[in-house]
Amino acid sequence: MTQLSDTIYLSKLPSRCVCLYMYLERHGAKKGNCFHSMNTIANNLGVSRQTITLAIKDLVANGHIESQNQYRKDGGKSSNIYKILK
């Protein structure tokens, strides 16, 4: 287990947050380049999109991750970029 992983386990956040954090860590968020859509993350983890939305809000509010909006050339919203902060 990495120091980053230890941080999330000790945070006392709900299991949905730990699960999402580990997913993001595994898929490149330590380097700032995890850009899976919320639907993709939800499907891969076997939970609802609402569960992912709540987990993202909790992780952002507690300073564990950063979520940045992305937009297409036509101005439409694309998937977010996620970065692990601690």
N, C-alpha and C. Protein backbone atom coordinates (compact mmCIF):
# COMPACT_ATOMS: atom_id res chain seq x y z
N MET A 1 0.85 -1.19 0.00
CA MET A 1 0.00 0.00 0.00
C MET A 1 0.89 1.24 0.00
N THR A 2 0.50 2.24 -0.76
CA THR A 2 1.29 3.46 -0.85
C THR A 2 0.89 4.44 0.24
N GLN A 3 1.71 5.47 0.42
CA GLN A 3 1.36 6.50 1.39
C GLN A 3 0.04 7.18 1.03
N LEU A 4 -0.20 7.37 -0.27
CA LEU A 4 -1.46 7.96 -0.70
C LEU A 4 -2.63 7.10 -0.26
N SER A 5 -2.51 5.81 -0.45
CA SER A 5 -3.57 4.89 -0.05
C SER A 5 -3.79 4.94 1.45
N ASP A 6 -2.72 4.99 2.22
CA ASP A 6 -2.84 5.07 3.67
C ASP A 6 -3.62 6.30 4.09
N THR A 7 -3.39 7.42 3.42
CA THR A 7 -4.06 8.67 3.74
C THR A 7 -5.58 8.53 3.63
N ILE A 8 -6.05 7.91 2.60
CA ILE A 8 -7.50 7.78 2.40
C ILE A 8 -8.10 6.81 3.41
N TYR A 9 -7.39 5.76 3.76
CA TYR A 9 -7.92 4.81 4.74
C TYR A 9 -8.05 5.44 6.12
N LEU A 10 -7.15 6.33 6.46
CA LEU A 10 -7.17 6.98 7.77
C LEU A 10 -8.12 8.17 7.83
N SER A 11 -8.70 8.55 6.71
CA SER A 11 -9.53 9.76 6.64
C SER A 11 -10.92 9.62 7.26
N LYS A 12 -11.38 8.41 7.49
CA LYS A 12 -12.72 8.15 8.05
C LYS A 12 -13.85 8.56 7.11
N LEU A 13 -13.56 8.70 5.82
CA LEU A 13 -14.60 8.99 4.82
C LEU A 13 -15.38 7.72 4.52
N PRO A 14 -16.60 7.84 3.98
CA PRO A 14 -17.40 6.66 3.64
C PRO A 14 -16.68 5.75 2.63
N SER A 15 -17.08 4.51 2.61
CA SER A 15 -16.44 3.52 1.73
C SER A 15 -16.54 3.92 0.25
N ARG A 16 -17.61 4.63 -0.13
CA ARG A 16 -17.73 5.06 -1.53
C ARG A 16 -16.56 5.97 -1.91
N CYS A 17 -16.09 6.76 -0.96
CA CYS A 17 -14.97 7.67 -1.21
C CYS A 17 -13.66 6.90 -1.34
N VAL A 18 -13.47 5.93 -0.46
CA VAL A 18 -12.26 5.11 -0.51
C VAL A 18 -12.20 4.35 -1.83
N CYS A 19 -13.32 3.78 -2.23
CA CYS A 19 -13.40 3.03 -3.48
C CYS A 19 -13.09 3.93 -4.67
N LEU A 20 -13.69 5.09 -4.73
CA LEU A 20 -13.44 6.02 -5.83
C LEU A 20 -11.99 6.49 -5.83
N TYR A 21 -11.47 6.83 -4.67
CA TYR A 21 -10.09 7.28 -4.55
C TYR A 21 -9.13 6.23 -5.10
N MET A 22 -9.34 4.98 -4.71
CA MET A 22 -8.47 3.89 -5.18
C MET A 22 -8.60 3.72 -6.70
N TYR A 23 -9.80 3.85 -7.21
CA TYR A 23 -10.03 3.77 -8.66
C TYR A 23 -9.24 4.87 -9.37
N LEU A 24 -9.37 6.11 -8.88
CA LEU A 24 -8.68 7.23 -9.50
C LEU A 24 -7.17 7.06 -9.41
N GLU A 25 -6.70 6.60 -8.26
CA GLU A 25 -5.28 6.37 -8.07
C GLU A 25 -4.76 5.36 -9.09
N ARG A 26 -5.51 4.30 -9.28
CA ARG A 26 -5.10 3.25 -10.22
C ARG A 26 -5.14 3.72 -11.68
N HIS A 27 -6.04 4.65 -11.98
CA HIS A 27 -6.22 5.08 -13.37
C HIS A 27 -5.56 6.42 -13.69
N GLY A 28 -4.53 6.78 -12.97
CA GLY A 28 -3.69 7.90 -13.37
C GLY A 28 -3.88 9.23 -12.68
N ALA A 29 -4.74 9.33 -11.68
CA ALA A 29 -4.99 10.63 -11.06
C ALA A 29 -3.79 11.14 -10.26
N LYS A 30 -2.88 10.25 -9.88
CA LYS A 30 -1.68 10.72 -9.19
C LYS A 30 -0.87 11.63 -10.11
N LYS A 31 -0.96 11.37 -11.40
CA LYS A 31 -0.24 12.16 -12.40
C LYS A 31 -1.12 13.26 -12.98
N GLY A 32 -2.36 13.34 -12.53
CA GLY A 32 -3.27 14.39 -12.97
C GLY A 32 -3.94 14.14 -14.30
N ASN A 33 -4.05 12.88 -14.70
CA ASN A 33 -4.61 12.63 -16.02
C ASN A 33 -5.70 11.56 -16.05
N CYS A 34 -6.46 11.42 -14.99
CA CYS A 34 -7.60 10.50 -15.02
C CYS A 34 -8.80 11.29 -15.51
N PHE A 35 -9.35 10.89 -16.64
CA PHE A 35 -10.46 11.65 -17.21
C PHE A 35 -11.62 10.75 -17.59
N HIS A 36 -11.80 9.68 -16.86
CA HIS A 36 -12.95 8.81 -17.11
C HIS A 36 -14.24 9.56 -16.76
N SER A 37 -15.28 9.29 -17.52
CA SER A 37 -16.57 9.93 -17.22
C SER A 37 -17.16 9.32 -15.95
N MET A 38 -18.08 10.05 -15.33
CA MET A 38 -18.74 9.53 -14.12
C MET A 38 -19.49 8.24 -14.44
N ASN A 39 -20.10 8.16 -15.62
CA ASN A 39 -20.80 6.92 -16.00
C ASN A 39 -19.84 5.75 -16.13
N THR A 40 -18.67 5.98 -16.72
CA THR A 40 -17.67 4.92 -16.85
C THR A 40 -17.20 4.46 -15.48
N ILE A 41 -16.91 5.41 -14.60
CA ILE A 41 -16.46 5.07 -13.25
C ILE A 41 -17.54 4.28 -12.53
N ALA A 42 -18.78 4.76 -12.59
CA ALA A 42 -19.90 4.07 -11.93
C ALA A 42 -20.06 2.65 -12.45
N ASN A 43 -20.01 2.48 -13.76
CA ASN A 43 -20.14 1.14 -14.35
C ASN A 43 -19.00 0.23 -13.92
N ASN A 44 -17.78 0.75 -13.94
CA ASN A 44 -16.62 -0.06 -13.55
C ASN A 44 -16.64 -0.46 -12.08
N LEU A 45 -17.20 0.40 -11.24
CA LEU A 45 -17.26 0.10 -9.80
C LEU A 45 -18.55 -0.59 -9.39
N GLY A 46 -19.52 -0.66 -10.29
CA GLY A 46 -20.78 -1.32 -9.99
C GLY A 46 -21.66 -0.55 -9.02
N VAL A 47 -21.59 0.79 -9.14
CA VAL A 47 -22.42 1.65 -8.29
C VAL A 47 -23.16 2.64 -9.19
N SER A 48 -24.03 3.44 -8.60
CA SER A 48 -24.79 4.42 -9.38
C SER A 48 -23.95 5.67 -9.65
N ARG A 49 -24.37 6.42 -10.65
CA ARG A 49 -23.72 7.69 -10.96
C ARG A 49 -23.86 8.65 -9.78
N GLN A 50 -24.99 8.61 -9.11
CA GLN A 50 -25.22 9.46 -7.94
C GLN A 50 -24.21 9.16 -6.83
N THR A 51 -23.87 7.89 -6.64
CA THR A 51 -22.88 7.51 -5.64
C THR A 51 -21.53 8.12 -5.99
N ILE A 52 -21.17 8.10 -7.27
CA ILE A 52 -19.90 8.69 -7.71
C ILE A 52 -19.93 10.21 -7.51
N THR A 53 -21.05 10.84 -7.83
CA THR A 53 -21.19 12.28 -7.64
C THR A 53 -20.98 12.66 -6.18
N LEU A 54 -21.60 11.92 -5.27
CA LEU A 54 -21.45 12.18 -3.84
C LEU A 54 -20.02 11.95 -3.37
N ALA A 55 -19.40 10.89 -3.85
CA ALA A 55 -18.02 10.58 -3.46
C ALA A 55 -17.07 11.67 -3.96
N ILE A 56 -17.27 12.15 -5.17
CA ILE A 56 -16.42 13.22 -5.71
C ILE A 56 -16.57 14.47 -4.84
N LYS A 57 -17.80 14.83 -4.51
CA LYS A 57 -18.03 16.01 -3.67
C LYS A 57 -17.34 15.86 -2.32
N ASP A 58 -17.44 14.70 -1.70
CA ASP A 58 -16.80 14.45 -0.40
C ASP A 58 -15.27 14.54 -0.52
N LEU A 59 -14.71 13.92 -1.54
CA LEU A 59 -13.26 13.92 -1.71
C LEU A 59 -12.72 15.31 -2.01
N VAL A 60 -13.45 16.08 -2.82
CA VAL A 60 -13.04 17.46 -3.11
C VAL A 60 -13.14 18.31 -1.84
N ALA A 61 -14.25 18.19 -1.12
CA ALA A 61 -14.47 18.99 0.09
C ALA A 61 -13.42 18.71 1.17
N ASN A 62 -12.90 17.49 1.20
CA ASN A 62 -11.91 17.12 2.20
C ASN A 62 -10.47 17.26 1.69
N GLY A 63 -10.31 17.82 0.50
CA GLY A 63 -8.99 18.12 -0.04
C GLY A 63 -8.20 16.93 -0.54
N HIS A 64 -8.88 15.82 -0.83
CA HIS A 64 -8.18 14.63 -1.32
C HIS A 64 -7.98 14.63 -2.83
N ILE A 65 -8.93 15.21 -3.56
CA ILE A 65 -8.81 15.26 -5.01
C ILE A 65 -9.22 16.64 -5.51
N GLU A 66 -8.85 16.89 -6.76
CA GLU A 66 -9.28 18.09 -7.47
C GLU A 66 -10.02 17.62 -8.71
N SER A 67 -11.09 18.28 -9.03
CA SER A 67 -11.88 17.96 -10.21
C SER A 67 -11.95 19.19 -11.10
N GLN A 68 -11.51 19.03 -12.35
CA GLN A 68 -11.48 20.16 -13.28
C GLN A 68 -12.35 19.85 -14.48
N ASN A 69 -13.23 20.79 -14.82
CA ASN A 69 -14.10 20.62 -15.99
C ASN A 69 -13.29 20.68 -17.28
N GLN A 70 -13.75 19.93 -18.27
CA GLN A 70 -13.19 19.97 -19.62
C GLN A 70 -14.32 20.29 -20.59
N TYR A 71 -13.98 20.96 -21.67
CA TYR A 71 -14.98 21.32 -22.67
C TYR A 71 -14.48 20.94 -24.06
N ARG A 72 -15.40 20.55 -24.91
CA ARG A 72 -15.08 20.24 -26.31
C ARG A 72 -14.90 21.53 -27.10
N LYS A 73 -14.38 21.41 -28.30
CA LYS A 73 -14.18 22.58 -29.17
C LYS A 73 -15.48 23.30 -29.46
N ASP A 74 -16.59 22.55 -29.51
CA ASP A 74 -17.89 23.17 -29.79
C ASP A 74 -18.53 23.78 -28.53
N GLY A 75 -17.81 23.73 -27.40
CA GLY A 75 -18.31 24.31 -26.16
C GLY A 75 -19.06 23.35 -25.27
N GLY A 76 -19.34 22.14 -25.75
CA GLY A 76 -20.04 21.15 -24.95
C GLY A 76 -19.16 20.60 -23.83
N LYS A 77 -19.79 20.21 -22.76
CA LYS A 77 -19.05 19.67 -21.62
C LYS A 77 -18.56 18.26 -21.91
N SER A 78 -17.34 18.00 -21.51
CA SER A 78 -16.73 16.68 -21.64
C SER A 78 -16.51 16.12 -20.24
N SER A 79 -15.87 14.97 -20.13
CA SER A 79 -15.60 14.42 -18.80
C SER A 79 -14.59 15.27 -18.06
N ASN A 80 -14.63 15.21 -16.74
CA ASN A 80 -13.72 15.97 -15.90
C ASN A 80 -12.34 15.32 -15.86
N ILE A 81 -11.36 16.10 -15.45
CA ILE A 81 -10.02 15.57 -15.15
C ILE A 81 -9.92 15.53 -13.63
N TYR A 82 -9.44 14.40 -13.10
CA TYR A 82 -9.30 14.23 -11.66
C TYR A 82 -7.83 14.13 -11.30
N LYS A 83 -7.46 14.77 -10.21
CA LYS A 83 -6.08 14.73 -9.72
C LYS A 83 -6.09 14.48 -8.22
N ILE A 84 -5.26 13.55 -7.78
CA ILE A 84 -5.13 13.27 -6.35
C ILE A 84 -4.20 14.31 -5.73
N LEU A 85 -4.66 14.92 -4.65
CA LEU A 85 -3.88 15.96 -3.98
C LEU A 85 -3.15 15.43 -2.75
N LYS A 86 -3.76 14.47 -2.06
CA LYS A 86 -3.10 13.87 -0.88
C LYS A 86 -3.56 12.46 -0.70
